[in-house]
Amino acid sequence: MHLVIIALGLQLSAFGLGQSLTFGLYGRLSPEYLTPTLEVALPLGGFDLQARLQRGALGVGLGSAVEFSALGRVSYGVQASLGFAGWGIQGSASGIFGPVAASLEALYSNTLRSSLWVGDEAQGGLKLGLGGRYRLEARQTLGLQLGFNRDLLGIARGSGELTYALRQAQTYTFGLGVEDSRFYGLLGWRGELNGAGTLLDTTLRAGQLNRLEAALTTPLDPEQLNNLKLRLTLAYPWAANLGLEAYGFRADADYDGRFSLWLRYTLDFGGNE
């Protein structure tokens, strides 16, 4: 079945119908699990259709966007996954109107989402997320993130984060947040490390919750058509993620009480205009 879908994706791409084809291999040590993965993105009129396949689960998604000239833009999408372990559905929308940017996400699964698609979090139930940013002026932005989770056992948790970003030669971000009754402070920095276009984006959350996130992007050619992307996340209680991406290849190594590795390669064929 996997070979048939891969062949279909290549055939569609050969006719210019496939926007992209991503295939890979995912494995974790505990509990032991190994599966090939496949993602296909196709244009369908004014929509983008996505299909995701792994051993024991299949997911489909549909998304689009509406432009309001210079006033703003709204994008939206819906995804559904079905597998031997259960099912899940997700909807999202985001928009930008002048100084305001907002996003909304809602999803529900009757099993762990990591069982429906590899690389997702090992949680199930209901998850809601609401985010917004307001540009006070050209160099200052306020941000707010709110979240709610009700797991498969009916236990509810909430989160919230308020940030202030000041953009000068670099961007500095300060904030306060709470996640599952754990309070923390936030400090972020984003800027260029050299004149070649190498960017570093770091965020530190410290307090009752501790997590460091860093992303480095550097051009691999003078035209900046290809970039090397490195991502690192460290958290306590101990968890970590290390990501590497270049020339269509991507590797993600995770530890959250168990080790996992996901290797992928993406062929980008463009699509119909």
Foldseek 3Di string as FASTA:
>chain_A
DVVVVVVVLVVCLVVQFWQKKKKWWKFWVVVTDIWIKIKTWGDDPQKIKIWIDIVFKIKIKIKHKDDPDVQKIKIWMKMKMDGPFWIKIKIKMWMDGVQKTKIKIKMAILAQVCNRPPPDDRFGGIKIKIKMKGAPDDFKIKIKIKMWGQTNVRDIWIKMKIKMWGDDQKIWMWIWMATRNWTWIKIWIWHAPDPQRKIKTWMFTDGSWTKIKIKIWGAPDSVSPWIWIWIWMATPVGKIWIWIDTPQWIWIWIDDPITMIMIMGMDGSRHDD
